Each structure stands twice: as structure tokens, then as C-alpha cells.
Amino acid sequence: MILTLIFGVLFLVLISLLFIPIELYLNTITNQYYVQLRGLVKVSIESDKKELLRVRLQVFFRSYYFYPLRKNNSSKTKKIREKKHLKSRNKINFKTVLRLLKSFKVKEFVLHIDTGNSILNAKLYPAFSFLNYHIGNININFEDRNQLVLCMQNRPIHIIKSFINF
């Protein structure tokens, strides 16, 4: 009886994890770049004083820091790299990638561009105003301001469905 109760609770937790939203957020003005499972895990890329960048992993209330550009000279990592090189890769179909991209929902999209050339900006202005009318907040400016804000959401169940459906 207790064993079935434990399996039932575990099954419900796994099913609920399939419906938790995954959020991808990019903001070039505030330098925020992260992927998060709401309430569980957040992986963000931050600048660092000693290294070029660091990866911050937040799990519940704990933070862990990783430095991906730091050189690691251990022999174990060399052996692992050699083994990975020998394995053949599975090829992903273009249709599958397209279905995966279509499963994402764009919650916020802001794009402000300045090319630095005022004549090119003037030529691009009608196209960007047309895109602004149909897509969202896309502007060309003459103020030396470049900005991208992108917030996309998806759920693990939609990602799995994009790989399974034909």
C-alpha cells in the first residue's frame, strides 16, 4: 500500500514537471541572459572580474558558479573528449528542428537597431516600420542605441511532442 502511494506521488511529480514552463530571456541593455524552469532551476550567464564570463546555476536556494572558459588539464577530461569524438552523432531532421522552434512562444520581443550609417538607417526605416506594424516592437533609430529583448517560453511536454510527432 505504501509502495503504491510512493509511486503514485512520484508519478504525479514527474507529470507536473512536464507542464512547468521553461523560460529563455535575453536582454542586451541590462546584460541578463538566462534559462529557467520556474521555481526550480535557473542557469544564467554573467560577467566576471577575473574570467571573461561565468555560469551561475541556482537550484532552489543554492547558487553554484562554473567557469566554462577556464582551461582544465586533467587526463580524465582528455579521455572523455576522445571517447566523445569516436561516437557517431545522431542526425536531426530539419523538419524536427522546425517543429521544435514552432513550439516556443515569444512573450516579449523588442529590437532597436542603429547601423551607424544614417543613409542606410533611412533606407531601412520603411521596412522596419512595416515589420513593427505586423510583428512587434522593432525599430530603427538614429541614436547609436542597439537593444534586443527576447523572452520565449516553452513546456517540456511540447518539446517532447515536437520530437515524437511526425
C-alpha atoms as a PDB file:
ATOM      1  CA  MET A   1       0.000   0.000   0.000  1.00  0.00           C
ATOM      2  CA  ILE A   2       2.748   2.441   0.956  1.00  0.00           C
ATOM      3  CA  LEU A   3       4.787   1.462  -2.097  1.00  0.00           C
ATOM      4  CA  THR A   4       1.902   2.255  -4.465  1.00  0.00           C
ATOM      5  CA  LEU A   5       1.370   5.565  -2.689  1.00  0.00           C
ATOM      6  CA  ILE A   6       5.055   6.470  -3.125  1.00  0.00           C
ATOM      7  CA  PHE A   7       4.966   5.509  -6.826  1.00  0.00           C
ATOM      8  CA  GLY A   8       1.761   7.494  -7.278  1.00  0.00           C
ATOM      9  CA  VAL A   9       3.248  10.625  -5.734  1.00  0.00           C
ATOM     10  CA  LEU A  10       6.449  10.202  -7.761  1.00  0.00           C
ATOM     11  CA  PHE A  11       4.385   9.773 -10.940  1.00  0.00           C
ATOM     12  CA  LEU A  12       2.388  12.937 -10.200  1.00  0.00           C
ATOM     13  CA  VAL A  13       5.597  14.911  -9.577  1.00  0.00           C
ATOM     14  CA  LEU A  14       7.062  13.730 -12.900  1.00  0.00           C
ATOM     15  CA  ILE A  15       3.847  14.613 -14.756  1.00  0.00           C
ATOM     16  CA  SER A  16       3.769  18.061 -13.140  1.00  0.00           C
ATOM     17  CA  LEU A  17       7.398  18.660 -14.233  1.00  0.00           C
ATOM     18  CA  LEU A  18       6.268  18.223 -17.849  1.00  0.00           C
ATOM     19  CA  PHE A  19       3.973  21.242 -17.543  1.00  0.00           C
ATOM     20  CA  ILE A  20       6.345  23.674 -15.779  1.00  0.00           C
ATOM     21  CA  PRO A  21       7.264  26.483 -18.205  1.00  0.00           C
ATOM     22  CA  ILE A  22      10.818  26.841 -19.431  1.00  0.00           C
ATOM     23  CA  GLU A  23      11.749  30.477 -19.996  1.00  0.00           C
ATOM     24  CA  LEU A  24      14.580  31.836 -22.141  1.00  0.00           C
ATOM     25  CA  TYR A  25      15.373  35.513 -21.549  1.00  0.00           C
ATOM     26  CA  LEU A  26      17.903  37.702 -23.360  1.00  0.00           C
ATOM     27  CA  ASN A  27      18.347  41.416 -22.626  1.00  0.00           C
ATOM     28  CA  THR A  28      21.357  43.252 -24.037  1.00  0.00           C
ATOM     29  CA  ILE A  29      20.788  46.510 -22.143  1.00  0.00           C
ATOM     30  CA  THR A  30      20.732  45.019 -18.635  1.00  0.00           C
ATOM     31  CA  ASN A  31      23.030  42.084 -19.616  1.00  0.00           C
ATOM     32  CA  GLN A  32      20.621  39.434 -18.397  1.00  0.00           C
ATOM     33  CA  TYR A  33      20.861  36.089 -20.161  1.00  0.00           C
ATOM     34  CA  TYR A  34      19.192  33.102 -18.536  1.00  0.00           C
ATOM     35  CA  VAL A  35      17.179  29.926 -18.939  1.00  0.00           C
ATOM     36  CA  GLN A  36      14.946  28.863 -16.084  1.00  0.00           C
ATOM     37  CA  LEU A  37      12.450  26.256 -15.005  1.00  0.00           C
ATOM     38  CA  ARG A  38      10.212  28.429 -12.894  1.00  0.00           C
ATOM     39  CA  GLY A  39      10.634  27.772  -9.207  1.00  0.00           C
ATOM     40  CA  LEU A  40      13.218  25.022  -9.637  1.00  0.00           C
ATOM     41  CA  VAL A  41      16.361  25.833 -11.620  1.00  0.00           C
ATOM     42  CA  LYS A  42      17.866  28.945 -13.182  1.00  0.00           C
ATOM     43  CA  VAL A  43      21.017  28.995 -15.316  1.00  0.00           C
ATOM     44  CA  SER A  44      22.347  32.461 -16.102  1.00  0.00           C
ATOM     45  CA  ILE A  45      25.433  33.796 -17.845  1.00  0.00           C
ATOM     46  CA  GLU A  46      27.160  36.651 -16.019  1.00  0.00           C
ATOM     47  CA  SER A  47      30.301  38.713 -16.469  1.00  0.00           C
ATOM     48  CA  ASP A  48      33.153  38.208 -14.041  1.00  0.00           C
ATOM     49  CA  LYS A  49      36.113  40.338 -12.954  1.00  0.00           C
ATOM     50  CA  LYS A  50      38.733  37.566 -13.152  1.00  0.00           C
ATOM     51  CA  GLU A  51      37.334  35.493 -16.020  1.00  0.00           C
ATOM     52  CA  LEU A  52      35.502  36.613 -19.123  1.00  0.00           C
ATOM     53  CA  LEU A  53      32.235  35.022 -18.060  1.00  0.00           C
ATOM     54  CA  ARG A  54      30.780  32.624 -15.563  1.00  0.00           C
ATOM     55  CA  VAL A  55      27.711  30.442 -15.442  1.00  0.00           C
ATOM     56  CA  ARG A  56      25.527  30.702 -12.365  1.00  0.00           C
ATOM     57  CA  LEU A  57      23.330  27.732 -11.511  1.00  0.00           C
ATOM     58  CA  GLN A  58      20.602  28.376  -8.951  1.00  0.00           C
ATOM     59  CA  VAL A  59      18.851  25.309  -7.589  1.00  0.00           C
ATOM     60  CA  PHE A  60      16.151  26.236  -5.104  1.00  0.00           C
ATOM     61  CA  PHE A  61      18.061  28.481  -2.667  1.00  0.00           C
ATOM     62  CA  ARG A  62      21.659  27.468  -3.525  1.00  0.00           C
ATOM     63  CA  SER A  63      23.940  29.075  -6.104  1.00  0.00           C
ATOM     64  CA  TYR A  64      26.792  27.331  -7.898  1.00  0.00           C
ATOM     65  CA  TYR A  65      29.301  29.027 -10.189  1.00  0.00           C
ATOM     66  CA  PHE A  66      31.054  27.487 -13.187  1.00  0.00           C
ATOM     67  CA  TYR A  67      33.731  28.969 -15.418  1.00  0.00           C
ATOM     68  CA  PRO A  68      33.347  27.378 -18.853  1.00  0.00           C
ATOM     69  CA  LEU A  69      36.320  29.166 -20.453  1.00  0.00           C
ATOM     70  CA  ARG A  70      38.789  28.045 -17.815  1.00  0.00           C
ATOM     71  CA  LYS A  71      41.278  25.526 -19.185  1.00  0.00           C
ATOM     72  CA  ASN A  72      41.206  22.133 -17.495  1.00  0.00           C
ATOM     73  CA  ASN A  73      44.335  19.989 -17.983  1.00  0.00           C
ATOM     74  CA  SER A  74      43.280  16.786 -16.267  1.00  0.00           C
ATOM     75  CA  SER A  75      43.824  13.496 -18.077  1.00  0.00           C
ATOM     76  CA  LYS A  76      40.264  12.348 -17.337  1.00  0.00           C
ATOM     77  CA  THR A  77      38.735  15.125 -19.415  1.00  0.00           C
ATOM     78  CA  LYS A  78      41.080  14.310 -22.321  1.00  0.00           C
ATOM     79  CA  LYS A  79      39.958  10.675 -22.277  1.00  0.00           C
ATOM     80  CA  ILE A  80      36.309  11.711 -22.179  1.00  0.00           C
ATOM     81  CA  ARG A  81      36.832  14.064 -25.133  1.00  0.00           C
ATOM     82  CA  GLU A  82      38.499  11.298 -27.141  1.00  0.00           C
ATOM     83  CA  LYS A  83      35.601   8.928 -26.435  1.00  0.00           C
ATOM     84  CA  LYS A  84      33.071  11.557 -27.468  1.00  0.00           C
ATOM     85  CA  HIS A  85      34.969  12.102 -30.699  1.00  0.00           C
ATOM     86  CA  LEU A  86      34.702   8.424 -31.612  1.00  0.00           C
ATOM     87  CA  LYS A  87      30.940   8.202 -31.140  1.00  0.00           C
ATOM     88  CA  SER A  88      28.764   8.843 -34.157  1.00  0.00           C
ATOM     89  CA  ARG A  89      26.235  11.624 -33.854  1.00  0.00           C
ATOM     90  CA  ASN A  90      22.540  11.235 -34.487  1.00  0.00           C
ATOM     91  CA  LYS A  91      21.401  13.497 -37.270  1.00  0.00           C
ATOM     92  CA  ILE A  92      18.410  15.670 -36.514  1.00  0.00           C
ATOM     93  CA  ASN A  93      15.954  16.213 -39.305  1.00  0.00           C
ATOM     94  CA  PHE A  94      15.248  19.781 -40.475  1.00  0.00           C
ATOM     95  CA  LYS A  95      11.500  19.259 -40.001  1.00  0.00           C
ATOM     96  CA  THR A  96      12.078  18.240 -36.393  1.00  0.00           C
ATOM     97  CA  VAL A  97      14.104  21.403 -35.736  1.00  0.00           C
ATOM     98  CA  LEU A  98      11.358  23.476 -37.359  1.00  0.00           C
ATOM     99  CA  ARG A  99       8.678  21.811 -35.196  1.00  0.00           C
ATOM    100  CA  LEU A 100      10.843  22.448 -32.129  1.00  0.00           C
ATOM    101  CA  LEU A 101      11.181  26.146 -32.972  1.00  0.00           C
ATOM    102  CA  LYS A 102       7.441  26.434 -33.606  1.00  0.00           C
ATOM    103  CA  SER A 103       6.698  25.021 -30.147  1.00  0.00           C
ATOM    104  CA  PHE A 104       8.246  28.099 -28.498  1.00  0.00           C
ATOM    105  CA  LYS A 105       6.029  31.086 -27.710  1.00  0.00           C
ATOM    106  CA  VAL A 106       7.528  34.549 -27.863  1.00  0.00           C
ATOM    107  CA  LYS A 107       6.300  36.515 -24.853  1.00  0.00           C
ATOM    108  CA  GLU A 108       8.344  39.681 -25.420  1.00  0.00           C
ATOM    109  CA  PHE A 109      10.362  40.854 -28.414  1.00  0.00           C
ATOM    110  CA  VAL A 110      11.988  44.285 -28.627  1.00  0.00           C
ATOM    111  CA  LEU A 111      14.593  45.142 -31.246  1.00  0.00           C
ATOM    112  CA  HIS A 112      16.134  48.594 -31.628  1.00  0.00           C
ATOM    113  CA  ILE A 113      18.919  48.903 -34.202  1.00  0.00           C
ATOM    114  CA  ASP A 114      21.240  51.659 -35.321  1.00  0.00           C
ATOM    115  CA  THR A 115      23.648  50.696 -38.106  1.00  0.00           C
ATOM    116  CA  GLY A 116      25.841  53.765 -37.624  1.00  0.00           C
ATOM    117  CA  ASN A 117      25.180  54.866 -41.188  1.00  0.00           C
ATOM    118  CA  SER A 118      22.356  57.411 -41.351  1.00  0.00           C
ATOM    119  CA  ILE A 119      21.703  56.786 -45.058  1.00  0.00           C
ATOM    120  CA  LEU A 120      21.342  53.033 -44.504  1.00  0.00           C
ATOM    121  CA  ASN A 121      19.115  53.733 -41.489  1.00  0.00           C
ATOM    122  CA  ALA A 122      16.893  55.918 -43.664  1.00  0.00           C
ATOM    123  CA  LYS A 123      16.666  53.157 -46.298  1.00  0.00           C
ATOM    124  CA  LEU A 124      15.788  50.537 -43.698  1.00  0.00           C
ATOM    125  CA  TYR A 125      13.237  52.704 -41.908  1.00  0.00           C
ATOM    126  CA  PRO A 126      10.206  51.780 -44.132  1.00  0.00           C
ATOM    127  CA  ALA A 127      10.917  48.045 -43.836  1.00  0.00           C
ATOM    128  CA  PHE A 128      11.270  48.270 -40.066  1.00  0.00           C
ATOM    129  CA  SER A 129       8.085  50.319 -39.713  1.00  0.00           C
ATOM    130  CA  PHE A 130       6.256  47.655 -41.763  1.00  0.00           C
ATOM    131  CA  LEU A 131       7.676  44.919 -39.517  1.00  0.00           C
ATOM    132  CA  ASN A 132       6.779  46.962 -36.436  1.00  0.00           C
ATOM    133  CA  TYR A 133       3.180  47.085 -37.626  1.00  0.00           C
ATOM    134  CA  HIS A 134       2.950  43.304 -38.148  1.00  0.00           C
ATOM    135  CA  ILE A 135       5.387  41.665 -35.734  1.00  0.00           C
ATOM    136  CA  GLY A 136       6.038  43.797 -32.699  1.00  0.00           C
ATOM    137  CA  ASN A 137       8.402  46.321 -31.251  1.00  0.00           C
ATOM    138  CA  ILE A 138      11.034  46.546 -34.000  1.00  0.00           C
ATOM    139  CA  ASN A 139      12.534  49.986 -34.572  1.00  0.00           C
ATOM    140  CA  ILE A 140      15.449  51.577 -36.313  1.00  0.00           C
ATOM    141  CA  ASN A 141      16.882  54.647 -34.624  1.00  0.00           C
ATOM    142  CA  PHE A 142      19.473  57.310 -35.214  1.00  0.00           C
ATOM    143  CA  GLU A 143      20.688  57.478 -31.593  1.00  0.00           C
ATOM    144  CA  ASP A 144      23.512  54.868 -31.514  1.00  0.00           C
ATOM    145  CA  ARG A 145      21.319  52.558 -29.441  1.00  0.00           C
ATOM    146  CA  ASN A 146      21.201  48.819 -30.127  1.00  0.00           C
ATOM    147  CA  GLN A 147      18.921  46.704 -27.965  1.00  0.00           C
ATOM    148  CA  LEU A 148      17.486  43.205 -28.029  1.00  0.00           C
ATOM    149  CA  VAL A 149      14.991  41.890 -25.512  1.00  0.00           C
ATOM    150  CA  LEU A 150      13.701  38.390 -26.143  1.00  0.00           C
ATOM    151  CA  CYS A 151      11.571  36.339 -23.796  1.00  0.00           C
ATOM    152  CA  MET A 152      10.477  32.912 -25.008  1.00  0.00           C
ATOM    153  CA  GLN A 153       8.547  30.203 -23.188  1.00  0.00           C
ATOM    154  CA  ASN A 154       8.005  26.538 -23.773  1.00  0.00           C
ATOM    155  CA  ARG A 155       6.973  23.490 -21.799  1.00  0.00           C
ATOM    156  CA  PRO A 156       8.856  20.168 -21.714  1.00  0.00           C
ATOM    157  CA  ILE A 157       5.744  18.345 -22.921  1.00  0.00           C
ATOM    158  CA  HIS A 158       5.722  20.476 -26.100  1.00  0.00           C
ATOM    159  CA  ILE A 159       9.417  19.784 -26.697  1.00  0.00           C
ATOM    160  CA  ILE A 160       8.847  16.048 -26.347  1.00  0.00           C
ATOM    161  CA  LYS A 161       5.843  16.200 -28.677  1.00  0.00           C
ATOM    162  CA  SER A 162       7.901  18.017 -31.322  1.00  0.00           C
ATOM    163  CA  PHE A 163      10.374  15.102 -31.394  1.00  0.00           C
ATOM    164  CA  ILE A 164       7.739  12.353 -31.313  1.00  0.00           C
ATOM    165  CA  ASN A 165       5.180  13.643 -33.842  1.00  0.00           C
ATOM    166  CA  PHE A 166       5.855  13.033 -37.499  1.00  0.00           C
END
